[in-house]
Amino acid sequence: YRFLKRLNDTYYGGGLPIPILSLSKDGSRRGHFVERDGLGLENRINLNPFIIQTGREAAEVAAHEQVHLWQALVGRPCVGNYHGEEFHAKVAELGILTDDRAGYHKGYVGDEWFTIMEANADLELDQFVLPGMDAEPKRLMLRYECPSCHRSFRSRSKELNAKCVECDAPFRRKK
């Protein structure tokens, strides 16, 4: 809550409501934003403690989902592609680099995200533990990434011998 409040104050001028945070297993997704659900709750961010491994990762997922909240209230929510140009631009303002289609995090832009983490050091994000984070992660799909151009794909296969068609580098499994 305090982390999202600080992001809200810093990057959105305090204009966003602080979302309800919930925890539940949600397939292979690390988290998702729910604008309205059937229970009458609005602006909820769900975090999946079976996949998220650290407090910093939880903060990164929550920041990503807060961009969806901003889009729902202020921006232009995407209809076909959930992670459109506006989404990618706003997430890049936070310093998180996302892929073009699915919105997966693939790195960082500049030092902004590290500055955010340093500014929130007193929140002890490294010590932050969600219930279930001590469980073995249950990943249905494994992510592979090209170390050169950062193209990525997902597969159920644990051992693959594939090369990137763009730069001919072997794909590596992301942990």
N, C-alpha and C. Protein backbone atom coordinates (compact mmCIF):
# COMPACT_ATOMS: atom_id res chain seq x y z
N TYR A 1 0.83 -1.20 0.00
CA TYR A 1 0.00 0.00 0.00
C TYR A 1 0.87 1.26 0.00
N ARG A 2 1.86 1.30 0.89
CA ARG A 2 2.71 2.49 0.97
C ARG A 2 3.51 2.69 -0.31
N PHE A 3 3.96 1.59 -0.91
CA PHE A 3 4.70 1.68 -2.17
C PHE A 3 3.80 2.27 -3.26
N LEU A 4 2.58 1.75 -3.41
CA LEU A 4 1.65 2.26 -4.43
C LEU A 4 1.27 3.71 -4.15
N LYS A 5 1.14 4.08 -2.88
CA LYS A 5 0.83 5.47 -2.55
C LYS A 5 1.97 6.38 -2.98
N ARG A 6 3.22 5.96 -2.75
CA ARG A 6 4.36 6.78 -3.18
C ARG A 6 4.43 6.91 -4.70
N LEU A 7 4.20 5.81 -5.41
CA LEU A 7 4.17 5.90 -6.88
C LEU A 7 3.06 6.84 -7.33
N ASN A 8 1.91 6.71 -6.71
CA ASN A 8 0.77 7.57 -7.05
C ASN A 8 1.12 9.04 -6.83
N ASP A 9 1.69 9.35 -5.70
CA ASP A 9 2.04 10.74 -5.39
C ASP A 9 3.12 11.26 -6.34
N THR A 10 4.12 10.42 -6.66
CA THR A 10 5.25 10.86 -7.47
C THR A 10 4.93 10.93 -8.96
N TYR A 11 4.27 9.91 -9.50
CA TYR A 11 4.10 9.81 -10.95
C TYR A 11 2.70 10.17 -11.45
N TYR A 12 1.73 10.21 -10.54
CA TYR A 12 0.36 10.50 -10.97
C TYR A 12 -0.22 11.70 -10.22
N GLY A 13 0.64 12.44 -9.52
CA GLY A 13 0.20 13.63 -8.80
C GLY A 13 -0.81 13.35 -7.71
N GLY A 14 -0.83 12.12 -7.19
CA GLY A 14 -1.78 11.77 -6.13
C GLY A 14 -3.19 11.61 -6.63
N GLY A 15 -3.37 11.60 -7.95
CA GLY A 15 -4.72 11.59 -8.52
C GLY A 15 -5.39 10.24 -8.66
N LEU A 16 -4.68 9.16 -8.36
CA LEU A 16 -5.29 7.83 -8.50
C LEU A 16 -5.76 7.31 -7.15
N PRO A 17 -6.86 6.56 -7.13
CA PRO A 17 -7.21 5.89 -5.88
C PRO A 17 -6.21 4.77 -5.63
N ILE A 18 -5.92 4.49 -4.39
CA ILE A 18 -5.03 3.38 -4.07
C ILE A 18 -5.86 2.10 -4.20
N PRO A 19 -5.42 1.18 -5.05
CA PRO A 19 -6.22 -0.02 -5.29
C PRO A 19 -6.18 -0.99 -4.12
N ILE A 20 -7.19 -1.83 -4.06
CA ILE A 20 -7.20 -2.93 -3.11
C ILE A 20 -6.19 -3.96 -3.61
N LEU A 21 -5.39 -4.51 -2.72
CA LEU A 21 -4.44 -5.56 -3.09
C LEU A 21 -5.00 -6.90 -2.63
N SER A 22 -4.98 -7.87 -3.53
CA SER A 22 -5.42 -9.21 -3.18
C SER A 22 -4.35 -10.21 -3.61
N LEU A 23 -4.37 -11.37 -2.99
CA LEU A 23 -3.41 -12.43 -3.29
C LEU A 23 -4.17 -13.69 -3.68
N SER A 24 -3.83 -14.24 -4.83
CA SER A 24 -4.39 -15.53 -5.21
C SER A 24 -3.60 -16.11 -6.37
N LYS A 25 -3.64 -17.42 -6.46
CA LYS A 25 -3.00 -18.10 -7.58
C LYS A 25 -3.81 -17.79 -8.83
N ASP A 26 -3.12 -17.39 -9.88
CA ASP A 26 -3.81 -17.00 -11.11
C ASP A 26 -3.07 -17.59 -12.29
N GLY A 27 -3.05 -18.90 -12.39
CA GLY A 27 -2.36 -19.54 -13.51
C GLY A 27 -0.90 -19.17 -13.55
N SER A 28 -0.43 -18.74 -14.72
CA SER A 28 0.98 -18.39 -14.88
C SER A 28 1.21 -16.89 -14.86
N ARG A 29 0.18 -16.10 -14.57
CA ARG A 29 0.35 -14.64 -14.50
C ARG A 29 0.88 -14.24 -13.13
N ARG A 30 1.77 -13.24 -13.14
CA ARG A 30 2.31 -12.73 -11.88
C ARG A 30 1.31 -11.81 -11.19
N GLY A 31 0.43 -11.21 -11.94
CA GLY A 31 -0.57 -10.33 -11.37
C GLY A 31 -1.51 -9.83 -12.44
N HIS A 32 -2.59 -9.18 -12.00
CA HIS A 32 -3.50 -8.55 -12.95
C HIS A 32 -4.33 -7.48 -12.25
N PHE A 33 -4.84 -6.56 -13.06
CA PHE A 33 -5.68 -5.46 -12.58
C PHE A 33 -7.12 -5.77 -12.90
N VAL A 34 -8.00 -5.53 -11.93
CA VAL A 34 -9.44 -5.70 -12.12
C VAL A 34 -10.10 -4.35 -11.86
N GLU A 35 -10.69 -3.78 -12.91
CA GLU A 35 -11.35 -2.48 -12.73
C GLU A 35 -12.61 -2.61 -11.88
N ARG A 36 -13.45 -3.57 -12.22
CA ARG A 36 -14.66 -3.87 -11.44
C ARG A 36 -14.86 -5.38 -11.47
N ASP A 37 -15.28 -5.92 -10.33
CA ASP A 37 -15.58 -7.35 -10.34
C ASP A 37 -17.03 -7.56 -9.90
N GLY A 38 -17.45 -8.79 -9.90
CA GLY A 38 -18.84 -9.10 -9.57
C GLY A 38 -19.18 -8.90 -8.11
N LEU A 39 -18.21 -8.63 -7.27
CA LEU A 39 -18.45 -8.42 -5.85
C LEU A 39 -18.67 -6.96 -5.49
N GLY A 40 -18.63 -6.10 -6.48
CA GLY A 40 -18.81 -4.68 -6.22
C GLY A 40 -17.52 -3.97 -5.83
N LEU A 41 -16.39 -4.66 -5.92
CA LEU A 41 -15.11 -4.05 -5.61
C LEU A 41 -14.55 -3.39 -6.85
N GLU A 42 -13.98 -2.22 -6.69
CA GLU A 42 -13.38 -1.50 -7.82
C GLU A 42 -11.88 -1.36 -7.59
N ASN A 43 -11.15 -1.31 -8.69
CA ASN A 43 -9.72 -1.01 -8.67
C ASN A 43 -8.95 -1.95 -7.75
N ARG A 44 -8.86 -3.20 -8.18
CA ARG A 44 -8.16 -4.21 -7.40
C ARG A 44 -6.96 -4.72 -8.19
N ILE A 45 -5.82 -4.89 -7.49
CA ILE A 45 -4.64 -5.50 -8.07
C ILE A 45 -4.44 -6.84 -7.38
N ASN A 46 -4.41 -7.90 -8.19
CA ASN A 46 -4.16 -9.23 -7.65
C ASN A 46 -2.70 -9.60 -7.91
N LEU A 47 -2.02 -10.07 -6.87
CA LEU A 47 -0.65 -10.55 -6.99
C LEU A 47 -0.66 -12.06 -6.76
N ASN A 48 0.14 -12.78 -7.55
CA ASN A 48 0.21 -14.23 -7.46
C ASN A 48 1.46 -14.63 -6.66
N PRO A 49 1.31 -14.97 -5.38
CA PRO A 49 2.48 -15.28 -4.55
C PRO A 49 3.14 -16.61 -4.90
N PHE A 50 2.51 -17.41 -5.76
CA PHE A 50 3.10 -18.68 -6.15
C PHE A 50 4.13 -18.49 -7.26
N ILE A 51 4.13 -17.32 -7.90
CA ILE A 51 5.10 -17.04 -8.96
C ILE A 51 6.06 -15.93 -8.54
N ILE A 52 5.55 -14.89 -7.89
CA ILE A 52 6.39 -13.79 -7.44
C ILE A 52 7.34 -14.30 -6.37
N GLN A 53 8.62 -14.00 -6.53
CA GLN A 53 9.64 -14.55 -5.65
C GLN A 53 10.23 -13.55 -4.66
N THR A 54 10.15 -12.24 -4.93
CA THR A 54 10.77 -11.26 -4.04
C THR A 54 9.84 -10.06 -3.86
N GLY A 55 10.10 -9.30 -2.82
CA GLY A 55 9.34 -8.09 -2.60
C GLY A 55 9.53 -7.07 -3.71
N ARG A 56 10.73 -7.02 -4.26
CA ARG A 56 10.99 -6.10 -5.38
C ARG A 56 10.20 -6.52 -6.61
N GLU A 57 10.08 -7.82 -6.84
CA GLU A 57 9.28 -8.29 -7.98
C GLU A 57 7.80 -7.97 -7.75
N ALA A 58 7.33 -8.12 -6.50
CA ALA A 58 5.95 -7.75 -6.17
C ALA A 58 5.72 -6.27 -6.44
N ALA A 59 6.70 -5.43 -6.09
CA ALA A 59 6.58 -4.00 -6.34
C ALA A 59 6.53 -3.71 -7.83
N GLU A 60 7.35 -4.41 -8.61
CA GLU A 60 7.37 -4.20 -10.06
C GLU A 60 6.03 -4.60 -10.69
N VAL A 61 5.48 -5.72 -10.26
CA VAL A 61 4.18 -6.17 -10.79
C VAL A 61 3.08 -5.17 -10.37
N ALA A 62 3.12 -4.73 -9.13
CA ALA A 62 2.11 -3.77 -8.65
C ALA A 62 2.21 -2.46 -9.44
N ALA A 63 3.43 -2.01 -9.73
CA ALA A 63 3.61 -0.78 -10.52
C ALA A 63 3.05 -0.96 -11.93
N HIS A 64 3.29 -2.12 -12.53
CA HIS A 64 2.76 -2.44 -13.86
C HIS A 64 1.23 -2.38 -13.83
N GLU A 65 0.64 -3.00 -12.82
CA GLU A 65 -0.83 -3.04 -12.73
C GLU A 65 -1.40 -1.66 -12.40
N GLN A 66 -0.63 -0.83 -11.70
CA GLN A 66 -1.09 0.53 -11.41
C GLN A 66 -1.18 1.35 -12.70
N VAL A 67 -0.35 1.02 -13.69
CA VAL A 67 -0.45 1.70 -14.99
C VAL A 67 -1.79 1.34 -15.64
N HIS A 68 -2.24 0.08 -15.48
CA HIS A 68 -3.56 -0.29 -16.00
C HIS A 68 -4.66 0.50 -15.29
N LEU A 69 -4.51 0.72 -13.99
CA LEU A 69 -5.45 1.55 -13.24
C LEU A 69 -5.48 2.96 -13.82
N TRP A 70 -4.29 3.54 -14.04
CA TRP A 70 -4.21 4.88 -14.63
C TRP A 70 -4.91 4.92 -15.99
N GLN A 71 -4.67 3.88 -16.81
CA GLN A 71 -5.31 3.83 -18.13
C GLN A 71 -6.82 3.77 -18.01
N ALA A 72 -7.32 2.99 -17.06
CA ALA A 72 -8.76 2.83 -16.90
C ALA A 72 -9.43 4.13 -16.48
N LEU A 73 -8.72 4.95 -15.69
CA LEU A 73 -9.33 6.18 -15.17
C LEU A 73 -8.98 7.43 -15.95
N VAL A 74 -7.77 7.50 -16.51
CA VAL A 74 -7.28 8.73 -17.13
C VAL A 74 -6.95 8.54 -18.60
N GLY A 75 -6.30 7.44 -18.91
CA GLY A 75 -5.83 7.21 -20.27
C GLY A 75 -6.91 6.63 -21.18
N ARG A 76 -6.45 5.93 -22.20
CA ARG A 76 -7.35 5.28 -23.15
C ARG A 76 -7.13 3.78 -23.06
N PRO A 77 -8.00 3.06 -22.34
CA PRO A 77 -7.84 1.61 -22.25
C PRO A 77 -7.86 0.97 -23.63
N CYS A 78 -6.97 0.02 -23.85
CA CYS A 78 -6.89 -0.67 -25.13
C CYS A 78 -7.98 -1.73 -25.21
N VAL A 79 -8.55 -1.87 -26.37
CA VAL A 79 -9.60 -2.87 -26.55
C VAL A 79 -8.99 -4.19 -27.02
N GLY A 80 -8.29 -4.18 -28.14
CA GLY A 80 -7.75 -5.42 -28.69
C GLY A 80 -6.46 -5.84 -28.02
N ASN A 81 -5.49 -4.94 -27.95
CA ASN A 81 -4.20 -5.25 -27.36
C ASN A 81 -4.17 -4.62 -25.97
N TYR A 82 -4.15 -5.46 -24.96
CA TYR A 82 -4.21 -4.99 -23.58
C TYR A 82 -3.04 -4.09 -23.23
N HIS A 83 -1.91 -4.28 -23.89
CA HIS A 83 -0.73 -3.47 -23.66
C HIS A 83 -0.41 -2.69 -24.93
N GLY A 84 -1.10 -1.58 -25.12
CA GLY A 84 -0.91 -0.76 -26.31
C GLY A 84 0.18 0.27 -26.13
N GLU A 85 0.29 1.17 -27.11
CA GLU A 85 1.36 2.17 -27.11
C GLU A 85 1.33 3.05 -25.87
N GLU A 86 0.15 3.48 -25.47
CA GLU A 86 0.04 4.34 -24.29
C GLU A 86 0.53 3.62 -23.03
N PHE A 87 0.18 2.35 -22.90
CA PHE A 87 0.63 1.56 -21.77
C PHE A 87 2.16 1.48 -21.74
N HIS A 88 2.77 1.11 -22.88
CA HIS A 88 4.22 0.96 -22.95
C HIS A 88 4.93 2.28 -22.62
N ALA A 89 4.38 3.39 -23.10
CA ALA A 89 4.99 4.70 -22.83
C ALA A 89 4.92 5.03 -21.34
N LYS A 90 3.80 4.75 -20.70
CA LYS A 90 3.65 5.07 -19.28
C LYS A 90 4.54 4.20 -18.42
N VAL A 91 4.63 2.90 -18.75
CA VAL A 91 5.50 2.00 -18.00
C VAL A 91 6.97 2.40 -18.18
N ALA A 92 7.32 2.86 -19.38
CA ALA A 92 8.70 3.31 -19.63
C ALA A 92 9.04 4.53 -18.78
N GLU A 93 8.04 5.38 -18.47
CA GLU A 93 8.27 6.51 -17.57
C GLU A 93 8.74 6.03 -16.20
N LEU A 94 8.27 4.85 -15.79
CA LEU A 94 8.70 4.27 -14.52
C LEU A 94 10.05 3.59 -14.64
N GLY A 95 10.53 3.42 -15.88
CA GLY A 95 11.82 2.81 -16.10
C GLY A 95 11.76 1.32 -16.40
N ILE A 96 10.56 0.79 -16.65
CA ILE A 96 10.41 -0.63 -16.94
C ILE A 96 10.24 -0.81 -18.45
N LEU A 97 11.08 -1.65 -19.03
CA LEU A 97 11.01 -1.95 -20.46
C LEU A 97 10.14 -3.18 -20.66
N THR A 98 9.13 -3.07 -21.52
CA THR A 98 8.21 -4.18 -21.77
C THR A 98 8.27 -4.58 -23.24
N ASP A 99 7.90 -5.85 -23.50
CA ASP A 99 7.87 -6.28 -24.89
C ASP A 99 6.62 -5.70 -25.55
N ASP A 100 6.58 -5.73 -26.87
CA ASP A 100 5.54 -5.04 -27.61
C ASP A 100 4.15 -5.64 -27.49
N ARG A 101 4.05 -6.96 -27.38
CA ARG A 101 2.74 -7.58 -27.41
C ARG A 101 2.13 -7.83 -26.04
N ALA A 102 2.76 -8.67 -25.27
CA ALA A 102 2.14 -9.16 -24.05
C ALA A 102 2.41 -8.27 -22.83
N GLY A 103 3.33 -7.34 -22.92
CA GLY A 103 3.63 -6.49 -21.79
C GLY A 103 4.56 -7.11 -20.77
N TYR A 104 5.22 -8.23 -21.14
CA TYR A 104 6.16 -8.84 -20.22
C TYR A 104 7.34 -7.91 -19.98
N HIS A 105 7.83 -7.90 -18.76
CA HIS A 105 8.98 -7.06 -18.43
C HIS A 105 10.24 -7.74 -18.96
N LYS A 106 11.04 -6.96 -19.70
CA LYS A 106 12.25 -7.54 -20.26
C LYS A 106 13.50 -6.76 -19.91
N GLY A 107 13.37 -5.77 -19.08
CA GLY A 107 14.55 -5.01 -18.69
C GLY A 107 14.14 -3.65 -18.15
N TYR A 108 15.10 -2.75 -18.13
CA TYR A 108 14.88 -1.43 -17.56
C TYR A 108 15.39 -0.37 -18.52
N VAL A 109 14.75 0.80 -18.49
CA VAL A 109 15.12 1.93 -19.31
C VAL A 109 15.77 2.96 -18.40
N GLY A 110 17.02 3.27 -18.64
CA GLY A 110 17.71 4.26 -17.81
C GLY A 110 17.81 3.80 -16.36
N ASP A 111 17.83 4.76 -15.46
CA ASP A 111 17.99 4.47 -14.04
C ASP A 111 16.73 4.72 -13.23
N GLU A 112 15.62 5.05 -13.90
CA GLU A 112 14.42 5.47 -13.18
C GLU A 112 13.91 4.40 -12.21
N TRP A 113 13.81 3.14 -12.66
CA TRP A 113 13.27 2.11 -11.77
C TRP A 113 14.18 1.91 -10.56
N PHE A 114 15.50 1.99 -10.76
CA PHE A 114 16.43 1.82 -9.65
C PHE A 114 16.32 3.00 -8.69
N THR A 115 16.05 4.20 -9.23
CA THR A 115 15.82 5.37 -8.39
C THR A 115 14.56 5.18 -7.56
N ILE A 116 13.50 4.63 -8.17
CA ILE A 116 12.26 4.35 -7.44
C ILE A 116 12.54 3.37 -6.31
N MET A 117 13.29 2.32 -6.60
CA MET A 117 13.58 1.31 -5.57
C MET A 117 14.40 1.91 -4.44
N GLU A 118 15.39 2.77 -4.77
CA GLU A 118 16.19 3.41 -3.74
C GLU A 118 15.34 4.35 -2.89
N ALA A 119 14.42 5.06 -3.53
CA ALA A 119 13.55 5.97 -2.79
C ALA A 119 12.62 5.22 -1.85
N ASN A 120 12.37 3.95 -2.14
CA ASN A 120 11.48 3.14 -1.31
C ASN A 120 12.26 2.16 -0.43
N ALA A 121 13.55 2.41 -0.25
CA ALA A 121 14.39 1.49 0.52
C ALA A 121 13.89 1.36 1.96
N ASP A 122 13.35 2.45 2.51
CA ASP A 122 12.88 2.37 3.90
C ASP A 122 11.65 1.49 4.04
N LEU A 123 11.03 1.11 2.91
CA LEU A 123 9.90 0.18 2.98
C LEU A 123 10.38 -1.27 3.10
N GLU A 124 11.69 -1.47 3.01
CA GLU A 124 12.31 -2.79 3.16
C GLU A 124 11.70 -3.80 2.20
N LEU A 125 11.66 -3.45 0.92
CA LEU A 125 11.08 -4.33 -0.08
C LEU A 125 11.81 -5.66 -0.18
N ASP A 126 13.12 -5.67 0.14
CA ASP A 126 13.86 -6.93 0.11
C ASP A 126 13.39 -7.88 1.21
N GLN A 127 12.83 -7.35 2.27
CA GLN A 127 12.36 -8.18 3.38
C GLN A 127 10.88 -8.55 3.23
N PHE A 128 10.22 -7.93 2.27
CA PHE A 128 8.79 -8.12 2.06
C PHE A 128 8.50 -9.54 1.58
N VAL A 129 7.58 -10.23 2.24
CA VAL A 129 7.23 -11.60 1.86
C VAL A 129 5.72 -11.72 1.79
N LEU A 130 5.23 -12.21 0.66
CA LEU A 130 3.80 -12.50 0.53
C LEU A 130 3.53 -13.91 1.04
N PRO A 131 2.37 -14.15 1.62
CA PRO A 131 2.04 -15.54 1.97
C PRO A 131 2.10 -16.41 0.72
N GLY A 132 2.81 -17.50 0.79
CA GLY A 132 2.93 -18.40 -0.36
C GLY A 132 4.24 -18.23 -1.12
N MET A 133 4.96 -17.11 -0.88
CA MET A 133 6.21 -16.88 -1.62
C MET A 133 7.28 -17.89 -1.25
N ASP A 134 7.10 -18.56 -0.10
CA ASP A 134 8.08 -19.57 0.27
C ASP A 134 7.78 -20.90 -0.41
N ALA A 135 6.65 -21.00 -1.10
CA ALA A 135 6.30 -22.23 -1.82
C ALA A 135 7.11 -22.32 -3.11
N GLU A 136 7.25 -23.52 -3.60
CA GLU A 136 7.93 -23.73 -4.88
C GLU A 136 7.08 -23.09 -5.97
N PRO A 137 7.64 -22.24 -6.84
CA PRO A 137 6.83 -21.62 -7.88
C PRO A 137 6.28 -22.67 -8.84
N LYS A 138 5.03 -22.47 -9.25
CA LYS A 138 4.37 -23.41 -10.15
C LYS A 138 4.21 -22.74 -11.50
N ARG A 139 5.23 -22.85 -12.32
CA ARG A 139 5.22 -22.22 -13.63
C ARG A 139 4.77 -23.22 -14.68
N LEU A 140 3.75 -22.84 -15.41
CA LEU A 140 3.26 -23.70 -16.47
C LEU A 140 4.10 -23.54 -17.73
N MET A 141 4.53 -22.34 -17.97
CA MET A 141 5.30 -22.05 -19.17
C MET A 141 6.67 -21.49 -18.75
N LEU A 142 7.70 -21.85 -19.49
CA LEU A 142 9.04 -21.33 -19.25
C LEU A 142 9.33 -20.25 -20.29
N ARG A 143 10.06 -19.25 -19.89
CA ARG A 143 10.37 -18.14 -20.79
C ARG A 143 11.79 -18.27 -21.29
N TYR A 144 11.96 -18.09 -22.59
CA TYR A 144 13.27 -18.10 -23.23
C TYR A 144 13.50 -16.74 -23.86
N GLU A 145 14.75 -16.25 -23.80
CA GLU A 145 15.05 -14.92 -24.31
C GLU A 145 16.38 -14.94 -25.05
N CYS A 146 16.45 -14.16 -26.12
CA CYS A 146 17.69 -13.98 -26.85
C CYS A 146 18.55 -12.98 -26.08
N PRO A 147 19.79 -13.32 -25.76
CA PRO A 147 20.62 -12.39 -24.99
C PRO A 147 21.04 -11.16 -25.79
N SER A 148 20.94 -11.22 -27.10
CA SER A 148 21.37 -10.08 -27.93
C SER A 148 20.25 -9.08 -28.17
N CYS A 149 19.14 -9.55 -28.75
CA CYS A 149 18.06 -8.62 -29.12
C CYS A 149 16.88 -8.67 -28.16
N HIS A 150 16.91 -9.57 -27.19
CA HIS A 150 15.90 -9.68 -26.14
C HIS A 150 14.53 -10.13 -26.65
N ARG A 151 14.47 -10.71 -27.85
CA ARG A 151 13.21 -11.34 -28.27
C ARG A 151 12.97 -12.51 -27.34
N SER A 152 11.69 -12.78 -27.06
CA SER A 152 11.41 -13.87 -26.13
C SER A 152 10.21 -14.67 -26.58
N PHE A 153 10.10 -15.86 -26.03
CA PHE A 153 8.94 -16.70 -26.26
C PHE A 153 8.78 -17.61 -25.06
N ARG A 154 7.64 -18.27 -24.97
CA ARG A 154 7.37 -19.19 -23.87
C ARG A 154 7.15 -20.58 -24.42
N SER A 155 7.56 -21.57 -23.62
CA SER A 155 7.42 -22.96 -24.02
C SER A 155 7.28 -23.82 -22.77
N ARG A 156 6.65 -24.96 -22.92
CA ARG A 156 6.55 -25.90 -21.81
C ARG A 156 7.81 -26.76 -21.70
N SER A 157 8.64 -26.76 -22.72
CA SER A 157 9.85 -27.59 -22.73
C SER A 157 10.93 -27.00 -21.83
N LYS A 158 11.52 -27.85 -20.99
CA LYS A 158 12.58 -27.39 -20.10
C LYS A 158 13.91 -27.26 -20.82
N GLU A 159 14.16 -28.10 -21.78
CA GLU A 159 15.43 -28.06 -22.50
C GLU A 159 15.15 -27.82 -23.98
N LEU A 160 15.59 -26.68 -24.48
CA LEU A 160 15.43 -26.35 -25.89
C LEU A 160 16.78 -25.95 -26.47
N ASN A 161 16.96 -26.25 -27.72
CA ASN A 161 18.15 -25.83 -28.44
C ASN A 161 17.66 -25.02 -29.63
N ALA A 162 17.41 -23.72 -29.40
CA ALA A 162 16.85 -22.87 -30.44
C ALA A 162 17.71 -21.63 -30.61
N LYS A 163 17.74 -21.11 -31.84
CA LYS A 163 18.49 -19.89 -32.13
C LYS A 163 17.52 -18.81 -32.60
N CYS A 164 17.87 -17.58 -32.32
CA CYS A 164 17.08 -16.44 -32.74
C CYS A 164 17.27 -16.22 -34.24
N VAL A 165 16.17 -16.06 -34.96
CA VAL A 165 16.28 -15.84 -36.40
C VAL A 165 16.77 -14.42 -36.70
N GLU A 166 16.61 -13.52 -35.76
CA GLU A 166 17.01 -12.13 -35.95
C GLU A 166 18.53 -11.95 -35.89
N CYS A 167 19.17 -12.57 -34.88
CA CYS A 167 20.59 -12.32 -34.68
C CYS A 167 21.42 -13.61 -34.55
N ASP A 168 20.80 -14.75 -34.70
CA ASP A 168 21.47 -16.05 -34.73
C ASP A 168 22.11 -16.43 -33.38
N ALA A 169 21.69 -15.81 -32.30
CA ALA A 169 22.20 -16.15 -30.97
C ALA A 169 21.31 -17.23 -30.37
N PRO A 170 21.87 -18.12 -29.56
CA PRO A 170 21.03 -19.15 -28.93
C PRO A 170 20.14 -18.55 -27.84
N PHE A 171 18.88 -18.99 -27.80
CA PHE A 171 17.97 -18.54 -26.75
C PHE A 171 18.41 -19.13 -25.42
N ARG A 172 18.20 -18.37 -24.35
CA ARG A 172 18.51 -18.82 -22.99
C ARG A 172 17.24 -18.84 -22.17
N ARG A 173 17.14 -19.80 -21.30
CA ARG A 173 15.98 -19.87 -20.43
C ARG A 173 16.08 -18.83 -19.33
N LYS A 174 15.00 -18.05 -19.14
CA LYS A 174 14.94 -17.04 -18.08
C LYS A 174 14.44 -17.71 -16.82
N LYS A 175 15.03 -17.33 -15.70
CA LYS A 175 14.59 -17.91 -14.43
C LYS A 175 13.65 -17.00 -13.73
